Amino acid sequence: MKKTRFEQIKRDYLKGRKRLENIAVGSLVWEEVGHGGWDMDYHPAVVKSVNVDEDYIEVLDVSDRNQEKRYTSFLTREEMVAKGFSEESIEEDYKKYAEVIKTLKK
């Protein structure tokens, strides 16, 4: 393997690790679900635990009867804003799921 390729893999790994380290229990994340073509839905879930070493989070999928799920692919609040979602719409989700968030933060 070329050294430049190795360095790129290392940078990507450290970036992903830092992303997970910055996720707190009780945070909302969104699963991006495609409907064919360009249409996407974003399903909120509340973070139950973060496993940085294994590269996943466990969540309660509040869009699907609070089912426990394991995500390896998801969007954070900052990533949702970067996609064009407003802070107000994200805050609405936080208010809507406040009880679940409160329970998990205990």
PDB file of N, CA and C in Angstrom:
ATOM      1  N   MET A   1       0.852  -1.172   0.000  1.00  0.00           N
ATOM      2  CA  MET A   1       0.000   0.000   0.000  1.00  0.00           C
ATOM      3  C   MET A   1       0.900   1.237   0.000  1.00  0.00           C
ATOM      4  N   LYS A   2       0.520   2.198  -0.810  1.00  0.00           N
ATOM      5  CA  LYS A   2       1.280   3.436  -0.855  1.00  0.00           C
ATOM      6  C   LYS A   2       1.056   4.238   0.410  1.00  0.00           C
ATOM      7  N   LYS A   3       2.080   4.954   0.804  1.00  0.00           N
ATOM      8  CA  LYS A   3       2.007   5.759   2.024  1.00  0.00           C
ATOM      9  C   LYS A   3       0.891   6.791   1.943  1.00  0.00           C
ATOM     10  N   THR A   4       0.667   7.407   0.788  1.00  0.00           N
ATOM     11  CA  THR A   4      -0.401   8.415   0.656  1.00  0.00           C
ATOM     12  C   THR A   4      -1.772   7.790   0.869  1.00  0.00           C
ATOM     13  N   ARG A   5      -1.954   6.583   0.373  1.00  0.00           N
ATOM     14  CA  ARG A   5      -3.229   5.879   0.570  1.00  0.00           C
ATOM     15  C   ARG A   5      -3.430   5.550   2.047  1.00  0.00           C
ATOM     16  N   PHE A   6      -2.368   5.081   2.696  1.00  0.00           N
ATOM     17  CA  PHE A   6      -2.427   4.780   4.121  1.00  0.00           C
ATOM     18  C   PHE A   6      -2.771   6.028   4.919  1.00  0.00           C
ATOM     19  N   GLU A   7      -2.140   7.144   4.597  1.00  0.00           N
ATOM     20  CA  GLU A   7      -2.408   8.403   5.317  1.00  0.00           C
ATOM     21  C   GLU A   7      -3.858   8.838   5.129  1.00  0.00           C
ATOM     22  N   GLN A   8      -4.429   8.648   3.939  1.00  0.00           N
ATOM     23  CA  GLN A   8      -5.828   8.999   3.697  1.00  0.00           C
ATOM     24  C   GLN A   8      -6.759   8.119   4.527  1.00  0.00           C
ATOM     25  N   ILE A   9      -6.477   6.828   4.584  1.00  0.00           N
ATOM     26  CA  ILE A   9      -7.271   5.908   5.400  1.00  0.00           C
ATOM     27  C   ILE A   9      -7.194   6.309   6.869  1.00  0.00           C
ATOM     28  N   LYS A  10      -6.015   6.660   7.321  1.00  0.00           N
ATOM     29  CA  LYS A  10      -5.820   7.078   8.708  1.00  0.00           C
ATOM     30  C   LYS A  10      -6.617   8.350   9.005  1.00  0.00           C
ATOM     31  N   ARG A  11      -6.567   9.348   8.100  1.00  0.00           N
ATOM     32  CA  ARG A  11      -7.335  10.589   8.291  1.00  0.00           C
ATOM     33  C   ARG A  11      -8.829  10.302   8.351  1.00  0.00           C
ATOM     34  N   ASP A  12      -9.318   9.457   7.443  1.00  0.00           N
ATOM     35  CA  ASP A  12     -10.747   9.111   7.425  1.00  0.00           C
ATOM     36  C   ASP A  12     -11.161   8.412   8.715  1.00  0.00           C
ATOM     37  N   TYR A  13     -10.316   7.504   9.188  1.00  0.00           N
ATOM     38  CA  TYR A  13     -10.590   6.790  10.428  1.00  0.00           C
ATOM     39  C   TYR A  13     -10.675   7.765  11.606  1.00  0.00           C
ATOM     40  N   LEU A  14      -9.696   8.646  11.727  1.00  0.00           N
ATOM     41  CA  LEU A  14      -9.668   9.593  12.841  1.00  0.00           C
ATOM     42  C   LEU A  14     -10.844  10.568  12.772  1.00  0.00           C
ATOM     43  N   LYS A  15     -11.240  10.955  11.577  1.00  0.00           N
ATOM     44  CA  LYS A  15     -12.403  11.837  11.408  1.00  0.00           C
ATOM     45  C   LYS A  15     -13.677  11.132  11.873  1.00  0.00           C
ATOM     46  N   GLY A  16     -13.850   9.865  11.477  1.00  0.00           N
ATOM     47  CA  GLY A  16     -15.019   9.085  11.901  1.00  0.00           C
ATOM     48  C   GLY A  16     -15.039   8.858  13.402  1.00  0.00           C
ATOM     49  N   ARG A  17     -13.890   8.605  13.955  1.00  0.00           N
ATOM     50  CA  ARG A  17     -13.778   8.389  15.409  1.00  0.00           C
ATOM     51  C   ARG A  17     -14.160   9.660  16.162  1.00  0.00           C
ATOM     52  N   LYS A  18     -13.655  10.792  15.714  1.00  0.00           N
ATOM     53  CA  LYS A  18     -13.968  12.070  16.361  1.00  0.00           C
ATOM     54  C   LYS A  18     -15.470  12.365  16.262  1.00  0.00           C
ATOM     55  N   ARG A  19     -16.067  12.062  15.123  1.00  0.00           N
ATOM     56  CA  ARG A  19     -17.514  12.261  14.934  1.00  0.00           C
ATOM     57  C   ARG A  19     -18.283  11.486  15.997  1.00  0.00           C
ATOM     58  N   LEU A  20     -17.934  10.218  16.196  1.00  0.00           N
ATOM     59  CA  LEU A  20     -18.631   9.401  17.188  1.00  0.00           C
ATOM     60  C   LEU A  20     -18.372   9.894  18.610  1.00  0.00           C
ATOM     61  N   GLU A  21     -17.157  10.316  18.882  1.00  0.00           N
ATOM     62  CA  GLU A  21     -16.826  10.807  20.220  1.00  0.00           C
ATOM     63  C   GLU A  21     -17.629  12.049  20.590  1.00  0.00           C
ATOM     64  N   ASN A  22     -18.078  12.792  19.599  1.00  0.00           N
ATOM     65  CA  ASN A  22     -18.827  14.021  19.846  1.00  0.00           C
ATOM     66  C   ASN A  22     -20.335  13.811  19.961  1.00  0.00           C
ATOM     67  N   ILE A  23     -20.778  12.573  19.879  1.00  0.00           N
ATOM     68  CA  ILE A  23     -22.214  12.273  19.987  1.00  0.00           C
ATOM     69  C   ILE A  23     -22.533  11.898  21.428  1.00  0.00           C
ATOM     70  N   ALA A  24     -23.513  12.564  21.988  1.00  0.00           N
ATOM     71  CA  ALA A  24     -23.893  12.323  23.381  1.00  0.00           C
ATOM     72  C   ALA A  24     -25.169  11.488  23.455  1.00  0.00           C
ATOM     73  N   VAL A  25     -25.271  10.708  24.520  1.00  0.00           N
ATOM     74  CA  VAL A  25     -26.514   9.985  24.793  1.00  0.00           C
ATOM     75  C   VAL A  25     -27.634  11.015  24.930  1.00  0.00           C
ATOM     76  N   GLY A  26     -28.760  10.728  24.307  1.00  0.00           N
ATOM     77  CA  GLY A  26     -29.888  11.647  24.341  1.00  0.00           C
ATOM     78  C   GLY A  26     -29.939  12.589  23.154  1.00  0.00           C
ATOM     79  N   SER A  27     -28.908  12.567  22.317  1.00  0.00           N
ATOM     80  CA  SER A  27     -28.917  13.389  21.104  1.00  0.00           C
ATOM     81  C   SER A  27     -29.840  12.761  20.071  1.00  0.00           C
ATOM     82  N   LEU A  28     -30.338  13.597  19.189  1.00  0.00           N
ATOM     83  CA  LEU A  28     -31.082  13.079  18.050  1.00  0.00           C
ATOM     84  C   LEU A  28     -30.130  12.892  16.878  1.00  0.00           C
ATOM     85  N   VAL A  29     -30.359  11.821  16.137  1.00  0.00           N
ATOM     86  CA  VAL A  29     -29.701  11.583  14.860  1.00  0.00           C
ATOM     87  C   VAL A  29     -30.810  11.206  13.879  1.00  0.00           C
ATOM     88  N   TRP A  30     -30.495  11.256  12.595  1.00  0.00           N
ATOM     89  CA  TRP A  30     -31.500  10.961  11.588  1.00  0.00           C
ATOM     90  C   TRP A  30     -30.972   9.918  10.624  1.00  0.00           C
ATOM     91  N   GLU A  31     -31.829   8.933  10.359  1.00  0.00           N
ATOM     92  CA  GLU A  31     -31.512   7.919   9.359  1.00  0.00           C
ATOM     93  C   GLU A  31     -32.053   8.431   8.028  1.00  0.00           C
ATOM     94  N   GLU A  32     -31.207   8.393   7.018  1.00  0.00           N
ATOM     95  CA  GLU A  32     -31.583   8.841   5.686  1.00  0.00           C
ATOM     96  C   GLU A  32     -32.115   7.634   4.917  1.00  0.00           C
ATOM     97  N   VAL A  33     -33.392   7.707   4.497  1.00  0.00           N
ATOM     98  CA  VAL A  33     -34.034   6.586   3.818  1.00  0.00           C
ATOM     99  C   VAL A  33     -34.477   7.040   2.428  1.00  0.00           C
ATOM    100  N   GLY A  34     -33.965   6.359   1.408  1.00  0.00           N
ATOM    101  CA  GLY A  34     -34.308   6.700   0.031  1.00  0.00           C
ATOM    102  C   GLY A  34     -35.590   6.042  -0.431  1.00  0.00           C
ATOM    103  N   HIS A  35     -36.254   6.722  -1.364  1.00  0.00           N
ATOM    104  CA  HIS A  35     -37.492   6.199  -1.956  1.00  0.00           C
ATOM    105  C   HIS A  35     -37.336   6.051  -3.459  1.00  0.00           C
ATOM    106  N   GLY A  36     -36.161   5.690  -3.898  1.00  0.00           N
ATOM    107  CA  GLY A  36     -35.919   5.612  -5.334  1.00  0.00           C
ATOM    108  C   GLY A  36     -35.743   7.012  -5.896  1.00  0.00           C
ATOM    109  N   GLY A  37     -34.897   7.133  -6.837  1.00  0.00           N
ATOM    110  CA  GLY A  37     -34.650   8.461  -7.392  1.00  0.00           C
ATOM    111  C   GLY A  37     -33.966   9.351  -6.375  1.00  0.00           C
ATOM    112  N   TRP A  38     -34.409  10.591  -6.275  1.00  0.00           N
ATOM    113  CA  TRP A  38     -33.767  11.580  -5.404  1.00  0.00           C
ATOM    114  C   TRP A  38     -34.539  11.838  -4.132  1.00  0.00           C
ATOM    115  N   ASP A  39     -35.713  11.243  -3.976  1.00  0.00           N
ATOM    116  CA  ASP A  39     -36.534  11.486  -2.788  1.00  0.00           C
ATOM    117  C   ASP A  39     -35.946  10.785  -1.567  1.00  0.00           C
ATOM    118  N   MET A  40     -35.790  11.563  -0.491  1.00  0.00           N
ATOM    119  CA  MET A  40     -35.251  11.018   0.750  1.00  0.00           C
ATOM    120  C   MET A  40     -36.170  11.393   1.904  1.00  0.00           C
ATOM    121  N   ASP A  41     -36.299  10.471   2.846  1.00  0.00           N
ATOM    122  CA  ASP A  41     -36.972  10.742   4.114  1.00  0.00           C
ATOM    123  C   ASP A  41     -35.913  10.690   5.206  1.00  0.00           C
ATOM    124  N   TYR A  42     -36.176  11.427   6.279  1.00  0.00           N
ATOM    125  CA  TYR A  42     -35.229  11.476   7.391  1.00  0.00           C
ATOM    126  C   TYR A  42     -35.974  11.075   8.658  1.00  0.00           C
ATOM    127  N   HIS A  43     -35.588   9.933   9.217  1.00  0.00           N
ATOM    128  CA  HIS A  43     -36.260   9.371  10.375  1.00  0.00           C
ATOM    129  C   HIS A  43     -35.430   9.637  11.634  1.00  0.00           C
ATOM    130  N   PRO A  44     -36.013  10.361  12.614  1.00  0.00           N
ATOM    131  CA  PRO A  44     -35.261  10.668  13.830  1.00  0.00           C
ATOM    132  C   PRO A  44     -35.153   9.465  14.764  1.00  0.00           C
ATOM    133  N   ALA A  45     -34.052   9.453  15.499  1.00  0.00           N
ATOM    134  CA  ALA A  45     -33.819   8.433  16.516  1.00  0.00           C
ATOM    135  C   ALA A  45     -33.022   9.084  17.646  1.00  0.00           C
ATOM    136  N   VAL A  46     -33.217   8.586  18.854  1.00  0.00           N
ATOM    137  CA  VAL A  46     -32.517   9.117  20.024  1.00  0.00           C
ATOM    138  C   VAL A  46     -31.372   8.173  20.371  1.00  0.00           C
ATOM    139  N   VAL A  47     -30.188   8.750  20.550  1.00  0.00           N
ATOM    140  CA  VAL A  47     -28.994   7.960  20.847  1.00  0.00           C
ATOM    141  C   VAL A  47     -29.086   7.379  22.249  1.00  0.00           C
ATOM    142  N   LYS A  48     -28.928   6.073  22.308  1.00  0.00           N
ATOM    143  CA  LYS A  48     -28.969   5.343  23.573  1.00  0.00           C
ATOM    144  C   LYS A  48     -27.549   5.065  24.074  1.00  0.00           C
ATOM    145  N   SER A  49     -26.637   4.733  23.159  1.00  0.00           N
ATOM    146  CA  SER A  49     -25.235   4.513  23.512  1.00  0.00           C
ATOM    147  C   SER A  49     -24.380   4.674  22.261  1.00  0.00           C
ATOM    148  N   VAL A  50     -23.095   4.937  22.501  1.00  0.00           N
ATOM    149  CA  VAL A  50     -22.133   5.128  21.417  1.00  0.00           C
ATOM    150  C   VAL A  50     -20.984   4.154  21.631  1.00  0.00           C
ATOM    151  N   ASN A  51     -20.650   3.398  20.602  1.00  0.00           N
ATOM    152  CA  ASN A  51     -19.514   2.493  20.663  1.00  0.00           C
ATOM    153  C   ASN A  51     -18.480   2.987  19.641  1.00  0.00           C
ATOM    154  N   VAL A  52     -17.552   3.789  20.122  1.00  0.00           N
ATOM    155  CA  VAL A  52     -16.542   4.386  19.249  1.00  0.00           C
ATOM    156  C   VAL A  52     -15.640   3.321  18.653  1.00  0.00           C
ATOM    157  N   ASP A  53     -15.219   2.352  19.459  1.00  0.00           N
ATOM    158  CA  ASP A  53     -14.284   1.336  18.979  1.00  0.00           C
ATOM    159  C   ASP A  53     -14.881   0.429  17.907  1.00  0.00           C
ATOM    160  N   GLU A  54     -16.180   0.148  18.005  1.00  0.00           N
ATOM    161  CA  GLU A  54     -16.828  -0.727  17.029  1.00  0.00           C
ATOM    162  C   GLU A  54     -17.538   0.062  15.920  1.00  0.00           C
ATOM    163  N   ASP A  55     -17.531   1.399  16.011  1.00  0.00           N
ATOM    164  CA  ASP A  55     -18.022   2.284  14.958  1.00  0.00           C
ATOM    165  C   ASP A  55     -19.544   2.181  14.731  1.00  0.00           C
ATOM    166  N   TYR A  56     -20.314   2.249  15.836  1.00  0.00           N
ATOM    167  CA  TYR A  56     -21.769   2.266  15.704  1.00  0.00           C
ATOM    168  C   TYR A  56     -22.396   2.978  16.905  1.00  0.00           C
ATOM    169  N   ILE A  57     -23.680   3.303  16.756  1.00  0.00           N
ATOM    170  CA  ILE A  57     -24.461   3.822  17.872  1.00  0.00           C
ATOM    171  C   ILE A  57     -25.704   2.964  18.018  1.00  0.00           C
ATOM    172  N   GLU A  58     -26.194   2.863  19.241  1.00  0.00           N
ATOM    173  CA  GLU A  58     -27.470   2.207  19.488  1.00  0.00           C
ATOM    174  C   GLU A  58     -28.484   3.305  19.755  1.00  0.00           C
ATOM    175  N   VAL A  59     -29.664   3.156  19.161  1.00  0.00           N
ATOM    176  CA  VAL A  59     -30.678   4.204  19.231  1.00  0.00           C
ATOM    177  C   VAL A  59     -32.042   3.623  19.549  1.00  0.00           C
ATOM    178  N   LEU A  60     -32.937   4.513  19.963  1.00  0.00           N
ATOM    179  CA  LEU A  60     -34.366   4.223  19.991  1.00  0.00           C
ATOM    180  C   LEU A  60     -34.951   4.955  18.799  1.00  0.00           C
ATOM    181  N   ASP A  61     -35.464   4.208  17.863  1.00  0.00           N
ATOM    182  CA  ASP A  61     -36.024   4.798  16.646  1.00  0.00           C
ATOM    183  C   ASP A  61     -37.417   5.337  16.966  1.00  0.00           C
ATOM    184  N   VAL A  62     -37.489   6.630  17.259  1.00  0.00           N
ATOM    185  CA  VAL A  62     -38.759   7.236  17.663  1.00  0.00           C
ATOM    186  C   VAL A  62     -39.736   7.345  16.496  1.00  0.00           C
ATOM    187  N   SER A  63     -39.266   7.128  15.282  1.00  0.00           N
ATOM    188  CA  SER A  63     -40.165   7.137  14.129  1.00  0.00           C
ATOM    189  C   SER A  63     -40.755   5.751  13.887  1.00  0.00           C
ATOM    190  N   ASP A  64     -40.305   4.762  14.667  1.00  0.00           N
ATOM    191  CA  ASP A  64     -40.761   3.378  14.484  1.00  0.00           C
ATOM    192  C   ASP A  64     -41.013   2.720  15.845  1.00  0.00           C
ATOM    193  N   ARG A  65     -41.960   3.278  16.603  1.00  0.00           N
ATOM    194  CA  ARG A  65     -42.409   2.722  17.881  1.00  0.00           C
ATOM    195  C   ARG A  65     -41.284   2.482  18.885  1.00  0.00           C
ATOM    196  N   ASN A  66     -40.297   3.357  18.905  1.00  0.00           N
ATOM    197  CA  ASN A  66     -39.181   3.286  19.863  1.00  0.00           C
ATOM    198  C   ASN A  66     -38.431   1.957  19.823  1.00  0.00           C
ATOM    199  N   GLN A  67     -38.332   1.374  18.654  1.00  0.00           N
ATOM    200  CA  GLN A  67     -37.578   0.131  18.514  1.00  0.00           C
ATOM    201  C   GLN A  67     -36.086   0.419  18.701  1.00  0.00           C
ATOM    202  N   GLU A  68     -35.404  -0.495  19.357  1.00  0.00           N
ATOM    203  CA  GLU A  68     -33.959  -0.383  19.513  1.00  0.00           C
ATOM    204  C   GLU A  68     -33.293  -0.840  18.222  1.00  0.00           C
ATOM    205  N   LYS A  69     -32.357  -0.017  17.753  1.00  0.00           N
ATOM    206  CA  LYS A  69     -31.649  -0.337  16.521  1.00  0.00           C
ATOM    207  C   LYS A  69     -30.186   0.043  16.665  1.00  0.00           C
ATOM    208  N   ARG A  70     -29.368  -0.492  15.785  1.00  0.00           N
ATOM    209  CA  ARG A  70     -27.946  -0.174  15.733  1.00  0.00           C
ATOM    210  C   ARG A  70     -27.698   0.524  14.393  1.00  0.00           C
ATOM    211  N   TYR A  71     -27.128   1.718  14.465  1.00  0.00           N
ATOM    212  CA  TYR A  71     -26.831   2.487  13.258  1.00  0.00           C
ATOM    213  C   TYR A  71     -25.329   2.583  13.047  1.00  0.00           C
ATOM    214  N   THR A  72     -24.934   2.369  11.821  1.00  0.00           N
ATOM    215  CA  THR A  72     -23.565   2.669  11.406  1.00  0.00           C
ATOM    216  C   THR A  72     -23.564   3.840  10.427  1.00  0.00           C
ATOM    217  N   SER A  73     -24.746   4.167   9.926  1.00  0.00           N
ATOM    218  CA  SER A  73     -24.900   5.275   8.997  1.00  0.00           C
ATOM    219  C   SER A  73     -26.060   6.146   9.473  1.00  0.00           C
ATOM    220  N   PHE A  74     -25.799   7.429   9.662  1.00  0.00           N
ATOM    221  CA  PHE A  74     -26.798   8.355  10.177  1.00  0.00           C
ATOM    222  C   PHE A  74     -26.286   9.772   9.994  1.00  0.00           C
ATOM    223  N   LEU A  75     -27.166  10.734  10.213  1.00  0.00           N
ATOM    224  CA  LEU A  75     -26.796  12.146  10.130  1.00  0.00           C
ATOM    225  C   LEU A  75     -26.941  12.791  11.504  1.00  0.00           C
ATOM    226  N   THR A  76     -25.975  13.618  11.851  1.00  0.00           N
ATOM    227  CA  THR A  76     -26.033  14.366  13.100  1.00  0.00           C
ATOM    228  C   THR A  76     -26.770  15.685  12.864  1.00  0.00           C
ATOM    229  N   ARG A  77     -27.018  16.401  13.934  1.00  0.00           N
ATOM    230  CA  ARG A  77     -27.668  17.706  13.851  1.00  0.00           C
ATOM    231  C   ARG A  77     -26.913  18.629  12.881  1.00  0.00           C
ATOM    232  N   GLU A  78     -25.614  18.707  13.027  1.00  0.00           N
ATOM    233  CA  GLU A  78     -24.797  19.572  12.180  1.00  0.00           C
ATOM    234  C   GLU A  78     -24.895  19.164  10.716  1.00  0.00           C
ATOM    235  N   GLU A  79     -24.926  17.874  10.468  1.00  0.00           N
ATOM    236  CA  GLU A  79     -25.035  17.385   9.088  1.00  0.00           C
ATOM    237  C   GLU A  79     -26.413  17.676   8.504  1.00  0.00           C
ATOM    238  N   MET A  80     -27.443  17.631   9.334  1.00  0.00           N
ATOM    239  CA  MET A  80     -28.788  17.973   8.860  1.00  0.00           C
ATOM    240  C   MET A  80     -28.856  19.455   8.473  1.00  0.00           C
ATOM    241  N   VAL A  81     -28.255  20.312   9.282  1.00  0.00           N
ATOM    242  CA  VAL A  81     -28.221  21.745   8.965  1.00  0.00           C
ATOM    243  C   VAL A  81     -27.456  21.958   7.659  1.00  0.00           C
ATOM    244  N   ALA A  82     -26.347  21.253   7.489  1.00  0.00           N
ATOM    245  CA  ALA A  82     -25.562  21.376   6.257  1.00  0.00           C
ATOM    246  C   ALA A  82     -26.363  20.932   5.033  1.00  0.00           C
ATOM    247  N   LYS A  83     -27.319  20.018   5.225  1.00  0.00           N
ATOM    248  CA  LYS A  83     -28.174  19.564   4.127  1.00  0.00           C
ATOM    249  C   LYS A  83     -29.310  20.548   3.835  1.00  0.00           C
ATOM    250  N   GLY A  84     -29.443  21.577   4.686  1.00  0.00           N
ATOM    251  CA  GLY A  84     -30.457  22.596   4.427  1.00  0.00           C
ATOM    252  C   GLY A  84     -31.630  22.597   5.383  1.00  0.00           C
ATOM    253  N   PHE A  85     -31.616  21.728   6.378  1.00  0.00           N
ATOM    254  CA  PHE A  85     -32.686  21.727   7.375  1.00  0.00           C
ATOM    255  C   PHE A  85     -32.471  22.897   8.340  1.00  0.00           C
ATOM    256  N   SER A  86     -33.556  23.494   8.769  1.00  0.00           N
ATOM    257  CA  SER A  86     -33.444  24.644   9.668  1.00  0.00           C
ATOM    258  C   SER A  86     -33.261  24.199  11.115  1.00  0.00           C
ATOM    259  N   GLU A  87     -32.616  25.066  11.890  1.00  0.00           N
ATOM    260  CA  GLU A  87     -32.466  24.806  13.329  1.00  0.00           C
ATOM    261  C   GLU A  87     -33.840  24.706  13.985  1.00  0.00           C
ATOM    262  N   GLU A  88     -34.795  25.475  13.482  1.00  0.00           N
ATOM    263  CA  GLU A  88     -36.147  25.455  14.051  1.00  0.00           C
ATOM    264  C   GLU A  88     -36.806  24.083  13.870  1.00  0.00           C
ATOM    265  N   SER A  89     -36.661  23.487  12.700  1.00  0.00           N
ATOM    266  CA  SER A  89     -37.270  22.167  12.473  1.00  0.00           C
ATOM    267  C   SER A  89     -36.592  21.102  13.329  1.00  0.00           C
ATOM    268  N   ILE A  90     -35.301  21.241  13.532  1.00  0.00           N
ATOM    269  CA  ILE A  90     -34.578  20.295  14.384  1.00  0.00           C
ATOM    270  C   ILE A  90     -35.012  20.466  15.837  1.00  0.00           C
ATOM    271  N   GLU A  91     -35.164  21.707  16.279  1.00  0.00           N
ATOM    272  CA  GLU A  91     -35.641  21.963  17.648  1.00  0.00           C
ATOM    273  C   GLU A  91     -37.047  21.406  17.853  1.00  0.00           C
ATOM    274  N   GLU A  92     -37.884  21.457  16.819  1.00  0.00           N
ATOM    275  CA  GLU A  92     -39.226  20.863  16.908  1.00  0.00           C
ATOM    276  C   GLU A  92     -39.125  19.368  17.187  1.00  0.00           C
ATOM    277  N   ASP A  93     -38.181  18.683  16.511  1.00  0.00           N
ATOM    278  CA  ASP A  93     -37.982  17.257  16.771  1.00  0.00           C
ATOM    279  C   ASP A  93     -37.527  17.030  18.211  1.00  0.00           C
ATOM    280  N   TYR A  94     -36.621  17.871  18.704  1.00  0.00           N
ATOM    281  CA  TYR A  94     -36.167  17.733  20.092  1.00  0.00           C
ATOM    282  C   TYR A  94     -37.324  17.915  21.063  1.00  0.00           C
ATOM    283  N   LYS A  95     -38.202  18.869  20.796  1.00  0.00           N
ATOM    284  CA  LYS A  95     -39.364  19.086  21.671  1.00  0.00           C
ATOM    285  C   LYS A  95     -40.328  17.910  21.584  1.00  0.00           C
ATOM    286  N   LYS A  96     -40.538  17.416  20.384  1.00  0.00           N
ATOM    287  CA  LYS A  96     -41.472  16.314  20.156  1.00  0.00           C
ATOM    288  C   LYS A  96     -41.048  15.048  20.910  1.00  0.00           C
ATOM    289  N   TYR A  97     -39.749  14.814  21.001  1.00  0.00           N
ATOM    290  CA  TYR A  97     -39.240  13.590  21.617  1.00  0.00           C
ATOM    291  C   TYR A  97     -38.556  13.853  22.955  1.00  0.00           C
ATOM    292  N   ALA A  98     -38.907  14.956  23.600  1.00  0.00           N
ATOM    293  CA  ALA A  98     -38.272  15.376  24.853  1.00  0.00           C
ATOM    294  C   ALA A  98     -38.370  14.322  25.950  1.00  0.00           C
ATOM    295  N   GLU A  99     -39.487  13.640  26.066  1.00  0.00           N
ATOM    296  CA  GLU A  99     -39.653  12.639  27.125  1.00  0.00           C
ATOM    297  C   GLU A  99     -38.708  11.450  26.935  1.00  0.00           C
ATOM    298  N   VAL A 100     -38.568  10.991  25.704  1.00  0.00           N
ATOM    299  CA  VAL A 100     -37.648   9.872  25.427  1.00  0.00           C
ATOM    300  C   VAL A 100     -36.214  10.313  25.711  1.00  0.00           C
ATOM    301  N   ILE A 101     -35.875  11.512  25.270  1.00  0.00           N
ATOM    302  CA  ILE A 101     -34.530  12.050  25.497  1.00  0.00           C
ATOM    303  C   ILE A 101     -34.242  12.144  26.994  1.00  0.00           C
ATOM    304  N   LYS A 102     -35.197  12.668  27.742  1.00  0.00           N
ATOM    305  CA  LYS A 102     -35.043  12.827  29.183  1.00  0.00           C
ATOM    306  C   LYS A 102     -34.821  11.463  29.854  1.00  0.00           C
ATOM    307  N   THR A 103     -35.570  10.481  29.453  1.00  0.00           N
ATOM    308  CA  THR A 103     -35.447   9.126  30.020  1.00  0.00           C
ATOM    309  C   THR A 103     -34.061   8.544  29.766  1.00  0.00           C
ATOM    310  N   LEU A 104     -33.543   8.723  28.554  1.00  0.00           N
ATOM    311  CA  LEU A 104     -32.235   8.141  28.224  1.00  0.00           C
ATOM    312  C   LEU A 104     -31.078   8.873  28.879  1.00  0.00           C
ATOM    313  N   LYS A 105     -31.258  10.139  29.182  1.00  0.00           N
ATOM    314  CA  LYS A 105     -30.182  10.903  29.816  1.00  0.00           C
ATOM    315  C   LYS A 105     -30.030  10.578  31.303  1.00  0.00           C
ATOM    316  N   LYS A 106     -31.021   9.925  31.894  1.00  0.00           N
ATOM    317  CA  LYS A 106     -30.955   9.580  33.324  1.00  0.00           C
ATOM    318  C   LYS A 106     -29.926   8.546  33.609  1.00  0.00           C
TER     319      LYS A 106
END
